[in-house]
Amino acid sequence: MMLSKPKKVKKSSRPTRDEFEMEELGNAIEEAYREKIEVIVTIWQREPLKGKITKLDGETKTVHILSEYETHKVKFIDILKVESAPR
Protein backbone atom coordinates (compact mmCIF):
# COMPACT_ATOMS: atom_id res chain seq x y z
CA MET A 1 0.00 0.00 0.00
CA MET A 2 1.39 3.41 -1.02
CA LEU A 3 0.88 6.35 1.27
CA SER A 4 0.58 9.70 -0.41
CA LYS A 5 2.64 12.61 0.82
CA PRO A 6 0.72 15.19 2.82
CA LYS A 7 -0.08 18.24 0.72
CA LYS A 8 1.77 21.39 1.63
CA VAL A 9 -0.46 24.11 2.96
CA LYS A 10 0.54 27.42 1.41
CA LYS A 11 0.80 30.11 4.07
CA SER A 12 -0.19 33.58 3.03
CA SER A 13 2.99 35.59 2.99
CA ARG A 14 3.51 38.95 4.64
CA PRO A 15 3.30 41.83 2.16
CA THR A 16 6.71 42.97 0.96
CA ARG A 17 7.71 46.58 1.43
CA ASP A 18 10.69 48.52 0.24
CA GLU A 19 13.15 50.48 2.38
CA PHE A 20 11.30 53.74 1.84
CA GLU A 21 7.98 52.28 3.06
CA MET A 22 9.67 50.74 6.10
CA GLU A 23 11.33 54.05 6.98
CA GLU A 24 8.02 55.95 6.60
CA LEU A 25 6.31 53.42 8.87
CA GLY A 26 9.12 53.65 11.43
CA ASN A 27 8.84 57.44 11.44
CA ALA A 28 5.06 57.30 11.94
CA ILE A 29 5.46 54.87 14.85
CA GLU A 30 8.20 56.97 16.43
CA GLU A 31 6.14 60.16 16.11
CA ALA A 32 3.06 58.51 17.65
CA TYR A 33 5.25 57.27 20.52
CA ARG A 34 6.92 60.66 21.08
CA GLU A 35 3.70 62.70 20.84
CA LYS A 36 1.71 60.14 22.90
CA ILE A 37 -1.17 60.29 20.43
CA GLU A 38 -3.81 57.60 20.02
CA VAL A 39 -3.42 55.66 16.79
CA ILE A 40 -5.02 52.85 14.84
CA VAL A 41 -2.43 50.21 13.97
CA THR A 42 -3.20 47.85 11.09
CA ILE A 43 -1.50 44.50 11.72
CA TRP A 44 -0.90 41.64 9.31
CA GLN A 45 -3.45 38.82 9.84
CA ARG A 46 -4.92 40.44 12.97
CA GLU A 47 -7.61 42.91 13.88
CA PRO A 48 -6.51 46.57 13.90
CA LEU A 49 -5.58 47.94 17.34
CA LYS A 50 -6.58 51.35 18.64
CA GLY A 51 -4.36 52.68 21.40
CA LYS A 52 -1.16 54.45 22.39
CA ILE A 53 2.35 53.24 21.71
CA THR A 54 4.01 52.90 25.11
CA LYS A 55 7.35 51.31 24.26
CA LEU A 56 9.61 50.70 21.28
CA ASP A 57 11.80 47.68 21.97
CA GLY A 58 14.74 47.64 19.56
CA GLU A 59 16.18 44.49 21.07
CA THR A 60 13.15 42.31 20.29
CA LYS A 61 11.91 44.57 17.44
CA THR A 62 8.47 44.88 19.04
CA VAL A 63 6.12 47.79 19.52
CA HIS A 64 4.07 47.86 22.73
CA ILE A 65 0.56 49.23 22.24
CA LEU A 66 -1.72 50.02 25.19
CA SER A 67 -5.27 49.36 24.05
CA GLU A 68 -7.86 50.02 26.75
CA TYR A 69 -6.30 48.18 29.74
CA GLU A 70 -4.14 45.65 27.91
CA THR A 71 -0.67 45.98 26.40
CA HIS A 72 -0.16 44.21 23.08
CA LYS A 73 3.35 43.42 21.87
CA VAL A 74 3.45 43.52 18.08
CA LYS A 75 6.45 42.72 15.89
CA PHE A 76 7.48 45.75 13.85
CA ILE A 77 7.55 43.65 10.68
CA ASP A 78 3.85 42.75 11.18
CA ILE A 79 2.69 46.38 11.29
CA LEU A 80 1.23 47.43 7.96
CA LYS A 81 -0.05 50.92 8.70
CA VAL A 82 -0.25 53.50 11.51
CA GLU A 83 -2.77 56.33 11.39
CA SER A 84 -4.10 58.87 13.87
CA ALA A 85 -7.27 57.74 15.61
CA PRO A 86 -10.30 60.01 15.13
CA ARG A 87 -11.06 62.10 18.21
PDB file of N, CA and C in Angstrom:
ATOM      1  N   MET A   1       0.839  -1.177   0.000  1.00  0.00           N
ATOM      2  CA  MET A   1       0.000   0.000   0.000  1.00  0.00           C
ATOM      3  C   MET A   1       0.892   1.250   0.000  1.00  0.00           C
ATOM      4  N   MET A   2       0.613   2.170  -0.909  1.00  0.00           N
ATOM      5  CA  MET A   2       1.391   3.407  -1.018  1.00  0.00           C
ATOM      6  C   MET A   2       0.687   4.519  -0.258  1.00  0.00           C
ATOM      7  N   LEU A   3       1.426   5.184   0.581  1.00  0.00           N
ATOM      8  CA  LEU A   3       0.884   6.353   1.273  1.00  0.00           C
ATOM      9  C   LEU A   3       1.247   7.597   0.478  1.00  0.00           C
ATOM     10  N   SER A   4       0.285   8.467   0.307  1.00  0.00           N
ATOM     11  CA  SER A   4       0.582   9.702  -0.415  1.00  0.00           C
ATOM     12  C   SER A   4       1.167  10.731   0.556  1.00  0.00           C
ATOM     13  N   LYS A   5       2.025  11.565   0.006  1.00  0.00           N
ATOM     14  CA  LYS A   5       2.636  12.611   0.823  1.00  0.00           C
ATOM     15  C   LYS A   5       1.566  13.623   1.213  1.00  0.00           C
ATOM     16  N   PRO A   6       1.678  14.144   2.435  1.00  0.00           N
ATOM     17  CA  PRO A   6       0.715  15.193   2.816  1.00  0.00           C
ATOM     18  C   PRO A   6       0.923  16.425   1.932  1.00  0.00           C
ATOM     19  N   LYS A   7      -0.168  17.055   1.566  1.00  0.00           N
ATOM     20  CA  LYS A   7      -0.081  18.238   0.715  1.00  0.00           C
ATOM     21  C   LYS A   7       0.402  19.414   1.550  1.00  0.00           C
ATOM     22  N   LYS A   8       1.264  20.205   0.936  1.00  0.00           N
ATOM     23  CA  LYS A   8       1.769  21.392   1.631  1.00  0.00           C
ATOM     24  C   LYS A   8       0.685  22.455   1.655  1.00  0.00           C
ATOM     25  N   VAL A   9       0.504  23.028   2.820  1.00  0.00           N
ATOM     26  CA  VAL A   9      -0.457  24.112   2.959  1.00  0.00           C
ATOM     27  C   VAL A   9       0.303  25.409   2.709  1.00  0.00           C
ATOM     28  N   LYS A  10      -0.158  26.173   1.738  1.00  0.00           N
ATOM     29  CA  LYS A  10       0.536  27.418   1.413  1.00  0.00           C
ATOM     30  C   LYS A  10       0.109  28.501   2.392  1.00  0.00           C
ATOM     31  N   LYS A  11       1.074  29.011   3.140  1.00  0.00           N
ATOM     32  CA  LYS A  11       0.803  30.106   4.066  1.00  0.00           C
ATOM     33  C   LYS A  11       0.716  31.398   3.265  1.00  0.00           C
ATOM     34  N   SER A  12      -0.173  32.278   3.695  1.00  0.00           N
ATOM     35  CA  SER A  12      -0.190  33.579   3.032  1.00  0.00           C
ATOM     36  C   SER A  12       1.025  34.348   3.528  1.00  0.00           C
ATOM     37  N   SER A  13       1.754  34.921   2.602  1.00  0.00           N
ATOM     38  CA  SER A  13       2.992  35.587   2.986  1.00  0.00           C
ATOM     39  C   SER A  13       2.740  37.052   3.317  1.00  0.00           C
ATOM     40  N   ARG A  14       3.570  37.555   4.202  1.00  0.00           N
ATOM     41  CA  ARG A  14       3.505  38.950   4.638  1.00  0.00           C
ATOM     42  C   ARG A  14       3.779  39.842   3.428  1.00  0.00           C
ATOM     43  N   PRO A  15       3.039  40.932   3.289  1.00  0.00           N
ATOM     44  CA  PRO A  15       3.298  41.830   2.156  1.00  0.00           C
ATOM     45  C   PRO A  15       4.726  42.369   2.184  1.00  0.00           C
ATOM     46  N   THR A  16       5.337  42.444   1.022  1.00  0.00           N
ATOM     47  CA  THR A  16       6.706  42.967   0.962  1.00  0.00           C
ATOM     48  C   THR A  16       6.659  44.484   0.824  1.00  0.00           C
ATOM     49  N   ARG A  17       7.611  45.115   1.475  1.00  0.00           N
ATOM     50  CA  ARG A  17       7.705  46.581   1.435  1.00  0.00           C
ATOM     51  C   ARG A  17       9.148  46.967   1.204  1.00  0.00           C
ATOM     52  N   ASP A  18       9.327  48.073   0.513  1.00  0.00           N
ATOM     53  CA  ASP A  18      10.691  48.522   0.245  1.00  0.00           C
ATOM     54  C   ASP A  18      11.225  49.346   1.415  1.00  0.00           C
ATOM     55  N   GLU A  19      12.495  49.723   1.304  1.00  0.00           N
ATOM     56  CA  GLU A  19      13.146  50.477   2.385  1.00  0.00           C
ATOM     57  C   GLU A  19      12.434  51.776   2.705  1.00  0.00           C
ATOM     58  N   PHE A  20      11.978  52.468   1.654  1.00  0.00           N
ATOM     59  CA  PHE A  20      11.301  53.744   1.840  1.00  0.00           C
ATOM     60  C   PHE A  20      10.025  53.567   2.659  1.00  0.00           C
ATOM     61  N   GLU A  21       9.232  52.543   2.321  1.00  0.00           N
ATOM     62  CA  GLU A  21       7.984  52.284   3.056  1.00  0.00           C
ATOM     63  C   GLU A  21       8.269  51.926   4.517  1.00  0.00           C
ATOM     64  N   MET A  22       9.314  51.131   4.742  1.00  0.00           N
ATOM     65  CA  MET A  22       9.673  50.735   6.103  1.00  0.00           C
ATOM     66  C   MET A  22      10.123  51.955   6.915  1.00  0.00           C
ATOM     67  N   GLU A  23      10.868  52.859   6.290  1.00  0.00           N
ATOM     68  CA  GLU A  23      11.332  54.055   6.978  1.00  0.00           C
ATOM     69  C   GLU A  23      10.152  54.970   7.313  1.00  0.00           C
ATOM     70  N   GLU A  24       9.218  55.128   6.363  1.00  0.00           N
ATOM     71  CA  GLU A  24       8.021  55.948   6.595  1.00  0.00           C
ATOM     72  C   GLU A  24       7.214  55.389   7.779  1.00  0.00           C
ATOM     73  N   LEU A  25       7.041  54.067   7.797  1.00  0.00           N
ATOM     74  CA  LEU A  25       6.305  53.418   8.871  1.00  0.00           C
ATOM     75  C   LEU A  25       7.017  53.615  10.206  1.00  0.00           C
ATOM     76  N   GLY A  26       8.332  53.446  10.211  1.00  0.00           N
ATOM     77  CA  GLY A  26       9.119  53.649  11.429  1.00  0.00           C
ATOM     78  C   GLY A  26       8.986  55.070  11.953  1.00  0.00           C
ATOM     79  N   ASN A  27       8.997  56.042  11.046  1.00  0.00           N
ATOM     80  CA  ASN A  27       8.845  57.442  11.440  1.00  0.00           C
ATOM     81  C   ASN A  27       7.460  57.696  12.038  1.00  0.00           C
ATOM     82  N   ALA A  28       6.431  57.122  11.429  1.00  0.00           N
ATOM     83  CA  ALA A  28       5.062  57.301  11.936  1.00  0.00           C
ATOM     84  C   ALA A  28       4.919  56.697  13.331  1.00  0.00           C
ATOM     85  N   ILE A  29       5.513  55.531  13.540  1.00  0.00           N
ATOM     86  CA  ILE A  29       5.456  54.867  14.845  1.00  0.00           C
ATOM     87  C   ILE A  29       6.204  55.701  15.883  1.00  0.00           C
ATOM     88  N   GLU A  30       7.385  56.175  15.517  1.00  0.00           N
ATOM     89  CA  GLU A  30       8.201  56.974  16.433  1.00  0.00           C
ATOM     90  C   GLU A  30       7.490  58.273  16.818  1.00  0.00           C
ATOM     91  N   GLU A  31       6.859  58.914  15.839  1.00  0.00           N
ATOM     92  CA  GLU A  31       6.141  60.159  16.111  1.00  0.00           C
ATOM     93  C   GLU A  31       4.952  59.908  17.043  1.00  0.00           C
ATOM     94  N   ALA A  32       4.206  58.842  16.798  1.00  0.00           N
ATOM     95  CA  ALA A  32       3.059  58.507  17.654  1.00  0.00           C
ATOM     96  C   ALA A  32       3.529  58.223  19.081  1.00  0.00           C
ATOM     97  N   TYR A  33       4.678  57.575  19.205  1.00  0.00           N
ATOM     98  CA  TYR A  33       5.247  57.272  20.524  1.00  0.00           C
ATOM     99  C   TYR A  33       5.683  58.558  21.230  1.00  0.00           C
ATOM    100  N   ARG A  34       6.399  59.411  20.510  1.00  0.00           N
ATOM    101  CA  ARG A  34       6.920  60.658  21.080  1.00  0.00           C
ATOM    102  C   ARG A  34       5.795  61.615  21.483  1.00  0.00           C
ATOM    103  N   GLU A  35       4.791  61.754  20.606  1.00  0.00           N
ATOM    104  CA  GLU A  35       3.696  62.697  20.844  1.00  0.00           C
ATOM    105  C   GLU A  35       2.605  62.132  21.752  1.00  0.00           C
ATOM    106  N   LYS A  36       2.693  60.832  22.050  1.00  0.00           N
ATOM    107  CA  LYS A  36       1.714  60.137  22.898  1.00  0.00           C
ATOM    108  C   LYS A  36       0.280  60.306  22.370  1.00  0.00           C
ATOM    109  N   ILE A  37       0.149  60.168  21.039  1.00  0.00           N
ATOM    110  CA  ILE A  37      -1.174  60.287  20.427  1.00  0.00           C
ATOM    111  C   ILE A  37      -1.791  58.903  20.227  1.00  0.00           C
ATOM    112  N   GLU A  38      -3.106  58.857  20.244  1.00  0.00           N
ATOM    113  CA  GLU A  38      -3.814  57.598  20.016  1.00  0.00           C
ATOM    114  C   GLU A  38      -3.821  57.300  18.521  1.00  0.00           C
ATOM    115  N   VAL A  39      -3.505  56.063  18.186  1.00  0.00           N
ATOM    116  CA  VAL A  39      -3.418  55.663  16.788  1.00  0.00           C
ATOM    117  C   VAL A  39      -4.205  54.380  16.531  1.00  0.00           C
ATOM    118  N   ILE A  40      -4.462  54.135  15.265  1.00  0.00           N
ATOM    119  CA  ILE A  40      -5.018  52.849  14.836  1.00  0.00           C
ATOM    120  C   ILE A  40      -3.896  52.152  14.082  1.00  0.00           C
ATOM    121  N   VAL A  41      -3.529  50.965  14.555  1.00  0.00           N
ATOM    122  CA  VAL A  41      -2.431  50.207  13.970  1.00  0.00           C
ATOM    123  C   VAL A  41      -3.016  49.017  13.214  1.00  0.00           C
ATOM    124  N   THR A  42      -2.757  48.969  11.914  1.00  0.00           N
ATOM    125  CA  THR A  42      -3.198  47.847  11.092  1.00  0.00           C
ATOM    126  C   THR A  42      -2.093  46.803  11.133  1.00  0.00           C
ATOM    127  N   ILE A  43      -2.471  45.567  11.512  1.00  0.00           N
ATOM    128  CA  ILE A  43      -1.496  44.499  11.725  1.00  0.00           C
ATOM    129  C   ILE A  43      -1.807  43.342  10.783  1.00  0.00           C
ATOM    130  N   TRP A  44      -0.762  42.755  10.240  1.00  0.00           N
ATOM    131  CA  TRP A  44      -0.902  41.637   9.314  1.00  0.00           C
ATOM    132  C   TRP A  44      -1.595  40.454   9.999  1.00  0.00           C
ATOM    133  N   GLN A  45      -2.670  39.969   9.378  1.00  0.00           N
ATOM    134  CA  GLN A  45      -3.448  38.817   9.838  1.00  0.00           C
ATOM    135  C   GLN A  45      -4.010  38.957  11.251  1.00  0.00           C
ATOM    136  N   ARG A  46      -4.299  40.197  11.668  1.00  0.00           N
ATOM    137  CA  ARG A  46      -4.925  40.438  12.967  1.00  0.00           C
ATOM    138  C   ARG A  46      -5.879  41.605  12.843  1.00  0.00           C
ATOM    139  N   GLU A  47      -6.707  41.767  13.839  1.00  0.00           N
ATOM    140  CA  GLU A  47      -7.607  42.912  13.883  1.00  0.00           C
ATOM    141  C   GLU A  47      -6.790  44.175  14.147  1.00  0.00           C
ATOM    142  N   PRO A  48      -7.206  45.319  13.589  1.00  0.00           N
ATOM    143  CA  PRO A  48      -6.506  46.574  13.905  1.00  0.00           C
ATOM    144  C   PRO A  48      -6.615  46.897  15.390  1.00  0.00           C
ATOM    145  N   LEU A  49      -5.603  47.542  15.925  1.00  0.00           N
ATOM    146  CA  LEU A  49      -5.578  47.938  17.336  1.00  0.00           C
ATOM    147  C   LEU A  49      -5.682  49.449  17.438  1.00  0.00           C
ATOM    148  N   LYS A  50      -6.486  49.915  18.366  1.00  0.00           N
ATOM    149  CA  LYS A  50      -6.576  51.351  18.637  1.00  0.00           C
ATOM    150  C   LYS A  50      -5.977  51.564  20.020  1.00  0.00           C
ATOM    151  N   GLY A  51      -4.976  52.432  20.108  1.00  0.00           N
ATOM    152  CA  GLY A  51      -4.357  52.678  21.403  1.00  0.00           C
ATOM    153  C   GLY A  51      -3.154  53.596  21.281  1.00  0.00           C
ATOM    154  N   LYS A  52      -2.365  53.621  22.355  1.00  0.00           N
ATOM    155  CA  LYS A  52      -1.160  54.453  22.395  1.00  0.00           C
ATOM    156  C   LYS A  52       0.069  53.556  22.430  1.00  0.00           C
ATOM    157  N   ILE A  53       1.090  53.980  21.716  1.00  0.00           N
ATOM    158  CA  ILE A  53       2.354  53.243  21.708  1.00  0.00           C
ATOM    159  C   ILE A  53       3.109  53.629  22.974  1.00  0.00           C
ATOM    160  N   THR A  54       3.384  52.622  23.812  1.00  0.00           N
ATOM    161  CA  THR A  54       4.005  52.897  25.111  1.00  0.00           C
ATOM    162  C   THR A  54       5.491  52.559  25.151  1.00  0.00           C
ATOM    163  N   LYS A  55       5.941  51.694  24.229  1.00  0.00           N
ATOM    164  CA  LYS A  55       7.354  51.306  24.255  1.00  0.00           C
ATOM    165  C   LYS A  55       7.767  50.831  22.872  1.00  0.00           C
ATOM    166  N   LEU A  56       8.990  51.197  22.495  1.00  0.00           N
ATOM    167  CA  LEU A  56       9.606  50.699  21.275  1.00  0.00           C
ATOM    168  C   LEU A  56      10.803  49.869  21.710  1.00  0.00           C
ATOM    169  N   ASP A  57      10.729  48.564  21.516  1.00  0.00           N
ATOM    170  CA  ASP A  57      11.796  47.676  21.966  1.00  0.00           C
ATOM    171  C   ASP A  57      12.671  47.266  20.784  1.00  0.00           C
ATOM    172  N   GLY A  58      13.821  47.923  20.666  1.00  0.00           N
ATOM    173  CA  GLY A  58      14.738  47.645  19.562  1.00  0.00           C
ATOM    174  C   GLY A  58      15.397  46.291  19.658  1.00  0.00           C
ATOM    175  N   GLU A  59      15.528  45.782  20.876  1.00  0.00           N
ATOM    176  CA  GLU A  59      16.182  44.491  21.071  1.00  0.00           C
ATOM    177  C   GLU A  59      15.344  43.347  20.496  1.00  0.00           C
ATOM    178  N   THR A  60      14.034  43.373  20.774  1.00  0.00           N
ATOM    179  CA  THR A  60      13.147  42.309  20.290  1.00  0.00           C
ATOM    180  C   THR A  60      12.375  42.745  19.046  1.00  0.00           C
ATOM    181  N   LYS A  61      12.590  43.988  18.605  1.00  0.00           N
ATOM    182  CA  LYS A  61      11.905  44.566  17.441  1.00  0.00           C
ATOM    183  C   LYS A  61      10.392  44.494  17.588  1.00  0.00           C
ATOM    184  N   THR A  62       9.910  44.855  18.793  1.00  0.00           N
ATOM    185  CA  THR A  62       8.473  44.879  19.038  1.00  0.00           C
ATOM    186  C   THR A  62       8.030  46.286  19.424  1.00  0.00           C
ATOM    187  N   VAL A  63       6.754  46.530  19.167  1.00  0.00           N
ATOM    188  CA  VAL A  63       6.118  47.790  19.521  1.00  0.00           C
ATOM    189  C   VAL A  63       5.044  47.449  20.544  1.00  0.00           C
ATOM    190  N   HIS A  64       5.056  48.114  21.687  1.00  0.00           N
ATOM    191  CA  HIS A  64       4.072  47.857  22.735  1.00  0.00           C
ATOM    192  C   HIS A  64       2.944  48.871  22.589  1.00  0.00           C
ATOM    193  N   ILE A  65       1.721  48.362  22.457  1.00  0.00           N
ATOM    194  CA  ILE A  65       0.563  49.231  22.244  1.00  0.00           C
ATOM    195  C   ILE A  65      -0.424  49.007  23.384  1.00  0.00           C
ATOM    196  N   LEU A  66      -0.749  50.092  24.103  1.00  0.00           N
ATOM    197  CA  LEU A  66      -1.715  50.023  25.190  1.00  0.00           C
ATOM    198  C   LEU A  66      -3.093  50.305  24.605  1.00  0.00           C
ATOM    199  N   SER A  67      -3.919  49.255  24.582  1.00  0.00           N
ATOM    200  CA  SER A  67      -5.269  49.361  24.048  1.00  0.00           C
ATOM    201  C   SER A  67      -6.231  49.072  25.186  1.00  0.00           C
ATOM    202  N   GLU A  68      -6.989  50.077  25.582  1.00  0.00           N
ATOM    203  CA  GLU A  68      -7.856  50.019  26.749  1.00  0.00           C
ATOM    204  C   GLU A  68      -6.994  49.704  27.974  1.00  0.00           C
ATOM    205  N   TYR A  69      -7.083  48.490  28.535  1.00  0.00           N
ATOM    206  CA  TYR A  69      -6.299  48.179  29.740  1.00  0.00           C
ATOM    207  C   TYR A  69      -5.295  47.064  29.496  1.00  0.00           C
ATOM    208  N   GLU A  70      -5.030  46.760  28.238  1.00  0.00           N
ATOM    209  CA  GLU A  70      -4.145  45.648  27.910  1.00  0.00           C
ATOM    210  C   GLU A  70      -3.025  46.112  26.987  1.00  0.00           C
ATOM    211  N   THR A  71      -1.806  45.649  27.247  1.00  0.00           N
ATOM    212  CA  THR A  71      -0.673  45.977  26.397  1.00  0.00           C
ATOM    213  C   THR A  71      -0.447  44.834  25.418  1.00  0.00           C
ATOM    214  N   HIS A  72      -0.407  45.185  24.144  1.00  0.00           N
ATOM    215  CA  HIS A  72      -0.161  44.206  23.078  1.00  0.00           C
ATOM    216  C   HIS A  72       1.251  44.422  22.566  1.00  0.00           C
ATOM    217  N   LYS A  73       2.000  43.335  22.428  1.00  0.00           N
ATOM    218  CA  LYS A  73       3.354  43.417  21.872  1.00  0.00           C
ATOM    219  C   LYS A  73       3.277  42.916  20.440  1.00  0.00           C
ATOM    220  N   VAL A  74       3.580  43.822  19.502  1.00  0.00           N
ATOM    221  CA  VAL A  74       3.451  43.515  18.084  1.00  0.00           C
ATOM    222  C   VAL A  74       4.814  43.642  17.426  1.00  0.00           C
ATOM    223  N   LYS A  75       5.182  42.646  16.613  1.00  0.00           N
ATOM    224  CA  LYS A  75       6.447  42.721  15.892  1.00  0.00           C
ATOM    225  C   LYS A  75       6.365  43.855  14.874  1.00  0.00           C
ATOM    226  N   PHE A  76       7.435  44.626  14.787  1.00  0.00           N
ATOM    227  CA  PHE A  76       7.480  45.749  13.851  1.00  0.00           C
ATOM    228  C   PHE A  76       7.175  45.292  12.424  1.00  0.00           C
ATOM    229  N   ILE A  77       7.710  44.148  12.046  1.00  0.00           N
ATOM    230  CA  ILE A  77       7.553  43.645  10.682  1.00  0.00           C
ATOM    231  C   ILE A  77       6.083  43.326  10.359  1.00  0.00           C
ATOM    232  N   ASP A  78       5.262  43.074  11.397  1.00  0.00           N
ATOM    233  CA  ASP A  78       3.846  42.753  11.181  1.00  0.00           C
ATOM    234  C   ASP A  78       2.956  43.993  11.067  1.00  0.00           C
ATOM    235  N   ILE A  79       3.499  45.162  11.365  1.00  0.00           N
ATOM    236  CA  ILE A  79       2.693  46.382  11.293  1.00  0.00           C
ATOM    237  C   ILE A  79       2.634  46.854   9.846  1.00  0.00           C
ATOM    238  N   LEU A  80       1.420  47.010   9.342  1.00  0.00           N
ATOM    239  CA  LEU A  80       1.229  47.427   7.960  1.00  0.00           C
ATOM    240  C   LEU A  80       0.994  48.926   7.830  1.00  0.00           C
ATOM    241  N   LYS A  81       0.291  49.506   8.818  1.00  0.00           N
ATOM    242  CA  LYS A  81      -0.048  50.924   8.703  1.00  0.00           C
ATOM    243  C   LYS A  81      -0.321  51.492  10.088  1.00  0.00           C
ATOM    244  N   VAL A  82       0.029  52.776  10.274  1.00  0.00           N
ATOM    245  CA  VAL A  82      -0.249  53.497  11.507  1.00  0.00           C
ATOM    246  C   VAL A  82      -0.914  54.804  11.115  1.00  0.00           C
ATOM    247  N   GLU A  83      -2.086  55.077  11.684  1.00  0.00           N
ATOM    248  CA  GLU A  83      -2.773  56.334  11.391  1.00  0.00           C
ATOM    249  C   GLU A  83      -3.383  56.904  12.667  1.00  0.00           C
ATOM    250  N   SER A  84      -3.516  58.215  12.698  1.00  0.00           N
ATOM    251  CA  SER A  84      -4.103  58.871  13.873  1.00  0.00           C
ATOM    252  C   SER A  84      -5.537  58.424  14.054  1.00  0.00           C
ATOM    253  N   ALA A  85      -5.891  58.149  15.297  1.00  0.00           N
ATOM    254  CA  ALA A  85      -7.269  57.744  15.614  1.00  0.00           C
ATOM    255  C   ALA A  85      -8.158  58.978  15.597  1.00  0.00           C
ATOM    256  N   PRO A  86      -9.386  58.860  15.092  1.00  0.00           N
ATOM    257  CA  PRO A  86     -10.297  60.012  15.129  1.00  0.00           C
ATOM    258  C   PRO A  86     -10.639  60.373  16.575  1.00  0.00           C
ATOM    259  N   ARG A  87     -10.788  61.651  16.839  1.00  0.00           N
ATOM    260  CA  ARG A  87     -11.065  62.100  18.213  1.00  0.00           C
ATOM    261  C   ARG A  87     -12.532  62.138  18.486  1.00  0.00           C
TER     262      ARG A  87
END
